[in-house]
PDB file of N, CA and C in Angstrom:
ATOM      1  N   MET A   1      81.191 127.097 102.062  1.00  0.00           N
ATOM      2  CA  MET A   1      82.121 126.584 103.046  1.00  0.00           C
ATOM      3  C   MET A   1      82.053 125.061 103.060  1.00  0.00           C
ATOM      4  N   GLU A   2      83.192 124.418 103.086  1.00  0.00           N
ATOM      5  CA  GLU A   2      83.260 122.970 103.087  1.00  0.00           C
ATOM      6  C   GLU A   2      82.865 122.425 104.453  1.00  0.00           C
ATOM      7  N   THR A   3      82.004 121.416 104.422  1.00  0.00           N
ATOM      8  CA  THR A   3      81.570 120.788 105.672  1.00  0.00           C
ATOM      9  C   THR A   3      81.863 119.299 105.615  1.00  0.00           C
ATOM     10  N   ARG A   4      81.766 118.676 106.772  1.00  0.00           N
ATOM     11  CA  ARG A   4      81.955 117.222 106.873  1.00  0.00           C
ATOM     12  C   ARG A   4      80.777 116.638 107.628  1.00  0.00           C
ATOM     13  N   VAL A   5      80.453 115.418 107.289  1.00  0.00           N
ATOM     14  CA  VAL A   5      79.424 114.684 108.018  1.00  0.00           C
ATOM     15  C   VAL A   5      80.136 113.839 109.057  1.00  0.00           C
ATOM     16  N   ALA A   6      79.624 113.875 110.274  1.00  0.00           N
ATOM     17  CA  ALA A   6      80.271 113.141 111.362  1.00  0.00           C
ATOM     18  C   ALA A   6      79.228 112.679 112.378  1.00  0.00           C
ATOM     19  N   ILE A   7      79.653 111.729 113.194  1.00  0.00           N
ATOM     20  CA  ILE A   7      78.860 111.256 114.325  1.00  0.00           C
ATOM     21  C   ILE A   7      79.661 111.546 115.591  1.00  0.00           C
ATOM     22  N   ILE A   8      79.019 112.170 116.560  1.00  0.00           N
ATOM     23  CA  ILE A   8      79.638 112.369 117.865  1.00  0.00           C
ATOM     24  C   ILE A   8      78.967 111.385 118.818  1.00  0.00           C
ATOM     25  N   ALA A   9      79.755 110.446 119.333  1.00  0.00           N
ATOM     26  CA  ALA A   9      79.258 109.455 120.283  1.00  0.00           C
ATOM     27  C   ALA A   9      79.561 109.960 121.690  1.00  0.00           C
ATOM     28  N   ILE A  10      78.534 109.983 122.525  1.00  0.00           N
ATOM     29  CA  ILE A  10      78.659 110.547 123.871  1.00  0.00           C
ATOM     30  C   ILE A  10      78.199 109.507 124.889  1.00  0.00           C
ATOM     31  N   ILE A  11      79.027 109.280 125.909  1.00  0.00           N
ATOM     32  CA  ILE A  11      78.656 108.429 127.039  1.00  0.00           C
ATOM     33  C   ILE A  11      78.564 109.334 128.260  1.00  0.00           C
ATOM     34  N   VAL A  12      77.392 109.337 128.883  1.00  0.00           N
ATOM     35  CA  VAL A  12      77.152 110.189 130.051  1.00  0.00           C
ATOM     36  C   VAL A  12      77.093 109.305 131.288  1.00  0.00           C
ATOM     37  N   GLU A  13      78.067 109.488 132.174  1.00  0.00           N
ATOM     38  CA  GLU A  13      78.126 108.690 133.403  1.00  0.00           C
ATOM     39  C   GLU A  13      77.561 109.446 134.602  1.00  0.00           C
ATOM     40  N   LYS A  14      77.422 110.749 134.483  1.00  0.00           N
ATOM     41  CA  LYS A  14      76.846 111.569 135.557  1.00  0.00           C
ATOM     42  C   LYS A  14      75.636 112.301 134.986  1.00  0.00           C
ATOM     43  N   THR A  15      74.456 111.950 135.482  1.00  0.00           N
ATOM     44  CA  THR A  15      73.227 112.508 134.916  1.00  0.00           C
ATOM     45  C   THR A  15      73.100 114.013 135.123  1.00  0.00           C
ATOM     46  N   ASP A  16      73.805 114.568 136.099  1.00  0.00           N
ATOM     47  CA  ASP A  16      73.718 116.019 136.300  1.00  0.00           C
ATOM     48  C   ASP A  16      74.423 116.799 135.181  1.00  0.00           C
ATOM     49  N   ALA A  17      75.078 116.106 134.257  1.00  0.00           N
ATOM     50  CA  ALA A  17      75.725 116.750 133.108  1.00  0.00           C
ATOM     51  C   ALA A  17      74.732 117.037 131.982  1.00  0.00           C
ATOM     52  N   ALA A  18      73.520 116.508 132.076  1.00  0.00           N
ATOM     53  CA  ALA A  18      72.544 116.613 130.987  1.00  0.00           C
ATOM     54  C   ALA A  18      72.228 118.051 130.606  1.00  0.00           C
ATOM     55  N   ASP A  19      72.065 118.921 131.579  1.00  0.00           N
ATOM     56  CA  ASP A  19      71.731 120.321 131.270  1.00  0.00           C
ATOM     57  C   ASP A  19      72.823 120.987 130.444  1.00  0.00           C
ATOM     58  N   LYS A  20      74.078 120.760 130.792  1.00  0.00           N
ATOM     59  CA  LYS A  20      75.198 121.363 130.069  1.00  0.00           C
ATOM     60  C   LYS A  20      75.290 120.778 128.658  1.00  0.00           C
ATOM     61  N   ILE A  21      75.098 119.472 128.529  1.00  0.00           N
ATOM     62  CA  ILE A  21      75.116 118.840 127.201  1.00  0.00           C
ATOM     63  C   ILE A  21      74.029 119.445 126.322  1.00  0.00           C
ATOM     64  N   ASN A  22      72.817 119.529 126.845  1.00  0.00           N
ATOM     65  CA  ASN A  22      71.708 120.090 126.074  1.00  0.00           C
ATOM     66  C   ASN A  22      71.942 121.549 125.708  1.00  0.00           C
ATOM     67  N   GLU A  23      72.579 122.301 126.583  1.00  0.00           N
ATOM     68  CA  GLU A  23      72.913 123.697 126.292  1.00  0.00           C
ATOM     69  C   GLU A  23      73.844 123.776 125.076  1.00  0.00           C
ATOM     70  N   TYR A  24      74.889 122.948 125.068  1.00  0.00           N
ATOM     71  CA  TYR A  24      75.823 122.929 123.933  1.00  0.00           C
ATOM     72  C   TYR A  24      75.127 122.469 122.655  1.00  0.00           C
ATOM     73  N   LEU A  25      74.324 121.422 122.745  1.00  0.00           N
ATOM     74  CA  LEU A  25      73.642 120.925 121.559  1.00  0.00           C
ATOM     75  C   LEU A  25      72.682 121.973 120.999  1.00  0.00           C
ATOM     76  N   HIS A  26      72.013 122.682 121.864  1.00  0.00           N
ATOM     77  CA  HIS A  26      71.109 123.739 121.418  1.00  0.00           C
ATOM     78  C   HIS A  26      71.881 124.846 120.701  1.00  0.00           C
ATOM     79  N   SER A  27      73.037 125.229 121.237  1.00  0.00           N
ATOM     80  CA  SER A  27      73.797 126.323 120.630  1.00  0.00           C
ATOM     81  C   SER A  27      74.404 125.927 119.279  1.00  0.00           C
ATOM     82  N   PHE A  28      74.580 124.617 119.022  1.00  0.00           N
ATOM     83  CA  PHE A  28      75.100 124.142 117.742  1.00  0.00           C
ATOM     84  C   PHE A  28      73.992 123.482 116.914  1.00  0.00           C
ATOM     85  N   GLY A  29      72.750 123.757 117.271  1.00  0.00           N
ATOM     86  CA  GLY A  29      71.600 123.093 116.658  1.00  0.00           C
ATOM     87  C   GLY A  29      71.495 123.212 115.156  1.00  0.00           C
ATOM     88  N   SER A  30      71.979 124.293 114.573  1.00  0.00           N
ATOM     89  CA  SER A  30      71.865 124.469 113.122  1.00  0.00           C
ATOM     90  C   SER A  30      72.718 123.466 112.352  1.00  0.00           C
ATOM     91  N   TYR A  31      73.666 122.819 113.004  1.00  0.00           N
ATOM     92  CA  TYR A  31      74.535 121.835 112.355  1.00  0.00           C
ATOM     93  C   TYR A  31      74.083 120.396 112.589  1.00  0.00           C
ATOM     94  N   ILE A  32      73.127 120.194 113.488  1.00  0.00           N
ATOM     95  CA  ILE A  32      72.734 118.839 113.875  1.00  0.00           C
ATOM     96  C   ILE A  32      71.715 118.274 112.895  1.00  0.00           C
ATOM     97  N   ILE A  33      72.026 117.099 112.350  1.00  0.00           N
ATOM     98  CA  ILE A  33      71.125 116.397 111.436  1.00  0.00           C
ATOM     99  C   ILE A  33      70.109 115.595 112.245  1.00  0.00           C
ATOM    100  N   GLY A  34      70.577 114.913 113.281  1.00  0.00           N
ATOM    101  CA  GLY A  34      69.696 114.094 114.101  1.00  0.00           C
ATOM    102  C   GLY A  34      70.381 113.684 115.386  1.00  0.00           C
ATOM    103  N   ARG A  35      69.563 113.180 116.301  1.00  0.00           N
ATOM    104  CA  ARG A  35      70.068 112.820 117.633  1.00  0.00           C
ATOM    105  C   ARG A  35      69.329 111.582 118.123  1.00  0.00           C
ATOM    106  N   MET A  36      70.069 110.677 118.757  1.00  0.00           N
ATOM    107  CA  MET A  36      69.462 109.498 119.356  1.00  0.00           C
ATOM    108  C   MET A  36      70.019 109.343 120.765  1.00  0.00           C
ATOM    109  N   GLY A  37      69.143 109.176 121.725  1.00  0.00           N
ATOM    110  CA  GLY A  37      69.563 108.972 123.103  1.00  0.00           C
ATOM    111  C   GLY A  37      69.031 107.658 123.634  1.00  0.00           C
ATOM    112  N   ILE A  38      69.910 106.924 124.315  1.00  0.00           N
ATOM    113  CA  ILE A  38      69.523 105.627 124.864  1.00  0.00           C
ATOM    114  C   ILE A  38      69.891 105.586 126.341  1.00  0.00           C
ATOM    115  N   PRO A  39      68.890 105.543 127.222  1.00  0.00           N
ATOM    116  CA  PRO A  39      69.214 105.367 128.638  1.00  0.00           C
ATOM    117  C   PRO A  39      69.530 103.896 128.905  1.00  0.00           C
ATOM    118  N   TYR A  40      70.650 103.637 129.524  1.00  0.00           N
ATOM    119  CA  TYR A  40      71.051 102.264 129.850  1.00  0.00           C
ATOM    120  C   TYR A  40      70.975 102.143 131.372  1.00  0.00           C
ATOM    121  N   LYS A  41      69.773 101.924 131.853  1.00  0.00           N
ATOM    122  CA  LYS A  41      69.498 101.948 133.287  1.00  0.00           C
ATOM    123  C   LYS A  41      70.290 100.904 134.069  1.00  0.00           C
ATOM    124  N   GLU A  42      70.486  99.735 133.470  1.00  0.00           N
ATOM    125  CA  GLU A  42      71.206  98.668 134.174  1.00  0.00           C
ATOM    126  C   GLU A  42      72.635  99.073 134.528  1.00  0.00           C
ATOM    127  N   LYS A  43      73.244  99.915 133.708  1.00  0.00           N
ATOM    128  CA  LYS A  43      74.619 100.369 133.943  1.00  0.00           C
ATOM    129  C   LYS A  43      74.673 101.776 134.527  1.00  0.00           C
ATOM    130  N   GLY A  44      73.532 102.456 134.590  1.00  0.00           N
ATOM    131  CA  GLY A  44      73.484 103.798 135.149  1.00  0.00           C
ATOM    132  C   GLY A  44      74.130 104.851 134.258  1.00  0.00           C
ATOM    133  N   ILE A  45      74.103 104.621 132.937  1.00  0.00           N
ATOM    134  CA  ILE A  45      74.681 105.583 131.997  1.00  0.00           C
ATOM    135  C   ILE A  45      73.659 105.921 130.913  1.00  0.00           C
ATOM    136  N   ASN A  46      73.981 106.943 130.147  1.00  0.00           N
ATOM    137  CA  ASN A  46      73.191 107.303 128.977  1.00  0.00           C
ATOM    138  C   ASN A  46      74.118 107.350 127.778  1.00  0.00           C
ATOM    139  N   ILE A  47      73.609 106.903 126.632  1.00  0.00           N
ATOM    140  CA  ILE A  47      74.366 106.881 125.390  1.00  0.00           C
ATOM    141  C   ILE A  47      73.662 107.823 124.424  1.00  0.00           C
ATOM    142  N   ILE A  48      74.408 108.766 123.873  1.00  0.00           N
ATOM    143  CA  ILE A  48      73.843 109.738 122.940  1.00  0.00           C
ATOM    144  C   ILE A  48      74.666 109.702 121.656  1.00  0.00           C
ATOM    145  N   CYS A  49      73.984 109.737 120.532  1.00  0.00           N
ATOM    146  CA  CYS A  49      74.641 109.767 119.235  1.00  0.00           C
ATOM    147  C   CYS A  49      74.117 110.986 118.471  1.00  0.00           C
ATOM    148  N   ILE A  50      75.013 111.860 118.054  1.00  0.00           N
ATOM    149  CA  ILE A  50      74.643 113.085 117.354  1.00  0.00           C
ATOM    150  C   ILE A  50      75.215 113.036 115.942  1.00  0.00           C
ATOM    151  N   ALA A  51      74.361 113.147 114.920  1.00  0.00           N
ATOM    152  CA  ALA A  51      74.819 113.240 113.532  1.00  0.00           C
ATOM    153  C   ALA A  51      74.887 114.721 113.169  1.00  0.00           C
ATOM    154  N   VAL A  52      76.021 115.151 112.629  1.00  0.00           N
ATOM    155  CA  VAL A  52      76.216 116.563 112.292  1.00  0.00           C
ATOM    156  C   VAL A  52      76.752 116.722 110.867  1.00  0.00           C
ATOM    157  N   ASP A  53      76.485 117.867 110.278  1.00  0.00           N
ATOM    158  CA  ASP A  53      77.064 118.284 109.003  1.00  0.00           C
ATOM    159  C   ASP A  53      77.546 119.708 109.231  1.00  0.00           C
ATOM    160  N   ALA A  54      78.860 119.867 109.375  1.00  0.00           N
ATOM    161  CA  ALA A  54      79.422 121.153 109.779  1.00  0.00           C
ATOM    162  C   ALA A  54      80.883 121.236 109.346  1.00  0.00           C
ATOM    163  N   PRO A  55      81.444 122.446 109.360  1.00  0.00           N
ATOM    164  CA  PRO A  55      82.892 122.551 109.152  1.00  0.00           C
ATOM    165  C   PRO A  55      83.630 121.773 110.246  1.00  0.00           C
ATOM    166  N   GLN A  56      84.769 121.228 109.902  1.00  0.00           N
ATOM    167  CA  GLN A  56      85.492 120.372 110.848  1.00  0.00           C
ATOM    168  C   GLN A  56      85.808 121.095 112.158  1.00  0.00           C
ATOM    169  N   ASN A  57      86.149 122.370 112.097  1.00  0.00           N
ATOM    170  CA  ASN A  57      86.474 123.086 113.331  1.00  0.00           C
ATOM    171  C   ASN A  57      85.249 123.225 114.237  1.00  0.00           C
ATOM    172  N   VAL A  58      84.062 123.327 113.662  1.00  0.00           N
ATOM    173  CA  VAL A  58      82.831 123.406 114.460  1.00  0.00           C
ATOM    174  C   VAL A  58      82.566 122.066 115.140  1.00  0.00           C
ATOM    175  N   ILE A  59      82.745 120.978 114.392  1.00  0.00           N
ATOM    176  CA  ILE A  59      82.554 119.643 114.967  1.00  0.00           C
ATOM    177  C   ILE A  59      83.536 119.414 116.112  1.00  0.00           C
ATOM    178  N   ASN A  60      84.795 119.778 115.884  1.00  0.00           N
ATOM    179  CA  ASN A  60      85.812 119.616 116.933  1.00  0.00           C
ATOM    180  C   ASN A  60      85.482 120.435 118.166  1.00  0.00           C
ATOM    181  N   THR A  61      84.990 121.656 117.951  1.00  0.00           N
ATOM    182  CA  THR A  61      84.639 122.523 119.073  1.00  0.00           C
ATOM    183  C   THR A  61      83.502 121.922 119.889  1.00  0.00           C
ATOM    184  N   LEU A  62      82.450 121.470 119.208  1.00  0.00           N
ATOM    185  CA  LEU A  62      81.309 120.876 119.914  1.00  0.00           C
ATOM    186  C   LEU A  62      81.732 119.625 120.683  1.00  0.00           C
ATOM    187  N   ALA A  63      82.443 118.720 120.022  1.00  0.00           N
ATOM    188  CA  ALA A  63      82.879 117.490 120.685  1.00  0.00           C
ATOM    189  C   ALA A  63      83.809 117.794 121.856  1.00  0.00           C
ATOM    190  N   GLY A  64      84.674 118.786 121.699  1.00  0.00           N
ATOM    191  CA  GLY A  64      85.588 119.170 122.777  1.00  0.00           C
ATOM    192  C   GLY A  64      84.860 119.731 123.980  1.00  0.00           C
ATOM    193  N   LYS A  65      83.884 120.596 123.728  1.00  0.00           N
ATOM    194  CA  LYS A  65      83.107 121.181 124.830  1.00  0.00           C
ATOM    195  C   LYS A  65      82.353 120.093 125.595  1.00  0.00           C
ATOM    196  N   ILE A  66      81.725 119.191 124.854  1.00  0.00           N
ATOM    197  CA  ILE A  66      80.972 118.111 125.503  1.00  0.00           C
ATOM    198  C   ILE A  66      81.912 117.174 126.244  1.00  0.00           C
ATOM    199  N   GLY A  67      83.029 116.817 125.627  1.00  0.00           N
ATOM    200  CA  GLY A  67      83.979 115.902 126.242  1.00  0.00           C
ATOM    201  C   GLY A  67      84.666 116.452 127.472  1.00  0.00           C
ATOM    202  N   ASN A  68      84.660 117.771 127.639  1.00  0.00           N
ATOM    203  CA  ASN A  68      85.278 118.389 128.816  1.00  0.00           C
ATOM    204  C   ASN A  68      84.335 118.496 130.012  1.00  0.00           C
ATOM    205  N   ILE A  69      83.092 118.100 129.836  1.00  0.00           N
ATOM    206  CA  ILE A  69      82.149 118.097 130.955  1.00  0.00           C
ATOM    207  C   ILE A  69      82.502 116.915 131.860  1.00  0.00           C
ATOM    208  N   PRO A  70      82.642 117.146 133.164  1.00  0.00           N
ATOM    209  CA  PRO A  70      82.956 116.029 134.074  1.00  0.00           C
ATOM    210  C   PRO A  70      81.905 114.918 133.989  1.00  0.00           C
ATOM    211  N   GLY A  71      82.373 113.673 133.899  1.00  0.00           N
ATOM    212  CA  GLY A  71      81.472 112.535 133.832  1.00  0.00           C
ATOM    213  C   GLY A  71      80.945 112.234 132.438  1.00  0.00           C
ATOM    214  N   VAL A  72      81.544 112.883 131.408  1.00  0.00           N
ATOM    215  CA  VAL A  72      81.093 112.700 130.032  1.00  0.00           C
ATOM    216  C   VAL A  72      82.294 112.376 129.152  1.00  0.00           C
ATOM    217  N   ASN A  73      82.128 111.402 128.260  1.00  0.00           N
ATOM    218  CA  ASN A  73      83.147 111.070 127.258  1.00  0.00           C
ATOM    219  C   ASN A  73      82.537 111.277 125.884  1.00  0.00           C
ATOM    220  N   ALA A  74      83.299 111.873 124.964  1.00  0.00           N
ATOM    221  CA  ALA A  74      82.817 112.099 123.596  1.00  0.00           C
ATOM    222  C   ALA A  74      83.913 111.763 122.600  1.00  0.00           C
ATOM    223  N   LYS A  75      83.535 111.059 121.557  1.00  0.00           N
ATOM    224  CA  LYS A  75      84.441 110.713 120.465  1.00  0.00           C
ATOM    225  C   LYS A  75      83.726 110.990 119.151  1.00  0.00           C
ATOM    226  N   THR A  76      84.497 111.334 118.136  1.00  0.00           N
ATOM    227  CA  THR A  76      83.931 111.704 116.841  1.00  0.00           C
ATOM    228  C   THR A  76      84.430 110.769 115.752  1.00  0.00           C
ATOM    229  N   VAL A  77      83.518 110.394 114.865  1.00  0.00           N
ATOM    230  CA  VAL A  77      83.844 109.606 113.682  1.00  0.00           C
ATOM    231  C   VAL A  77      83.417 110.427 112.476  1.00  0.00           C
ATOM    232  N   TYR A  78      84.352 110.629 111.539  1.00  0.00           N
ATOM    233  CA  TYR A  78      84.089 111.453 110.360  1.00  0.00           C
ATOM    234  C   TYR A  78      83.833 110.619 109.124  1.00  0.00           C
ATOM    235  N   SER A  79      82.958 111.103 108.272  1.00  0.00           N
ATOM    236  CA  SER A  79      82.790 110.541 106.940  1.00  0.00           C
ATOM    237  C   SER A  79      83.992 110.945 106.104  1.00  0.00           C
ATOM    238  N   CYS A  80      84.323 110.158 105.115  1.00  0.00           N
ATOM    239  CA  CYS A  80      85.421 110.504 104.200  1.00  0.00           C
ATOM    240  C   CYS A  80      84.979 111.530 103.159  1.00  0.00           C
ATOM    241  N   ILE A  81      83.689 111.825 103.107  1.00  0.00           N
ATOM    242  CA  ILE A  81      83.148 112.731 102.092  1.00  0.00           C
ATOM    243  C   ILE A  81      83.080 114.144 102.652  1.00  0.00           C
ATOM    244  N   ASN A  82      83.653 115.108 101.919  1.00  0.00           N
ATOM    245  CA  ASN A  82      83.496 116.525 102.248  1.00  0.00           C
ATOM    246  C   ASN A  82      82.303 117.044 101.441  1.00  0.00           C
ATOM    247  N   THR A  83      81.481 117.900 102.049  1.00  0.00           N
ATOM    248  CA  THR A  83      80.315 118.450 101.355  1.00  0.00           C
ATOM    249  C   THR A  83      80.421 119.961 101.295  1.00  0.00           C
ATOM    250  N   ASP A  84      79.714 120.511 100.351  1.00  0.00           N
ATOM    251  CA  ASP A  84      79.684 121.990 100.208  1.00  0.00           C
ATOM    252  C   ASP A  84      78.347 122.517 100.632  1.00  0.00           C
TER     253      ASP A  84
END
């Protein structure tokens, strides 16, 4: 199955969204290459970056689920390279 490498950038403005985000990330864990989280205390937000290698529809589903959580914004950047 053809997969794509992508980064999902997540801005969390409501800390009570963390449990739901972690639930989604856990359920898509087999596609996650790595994760970086940065608490930005001065602004009261958290910044999360997720690197994934998955079929495009899986990436879209994960980013959509996370982006639909109240107080959370998610955007995806794709590599131009498709992988098998």
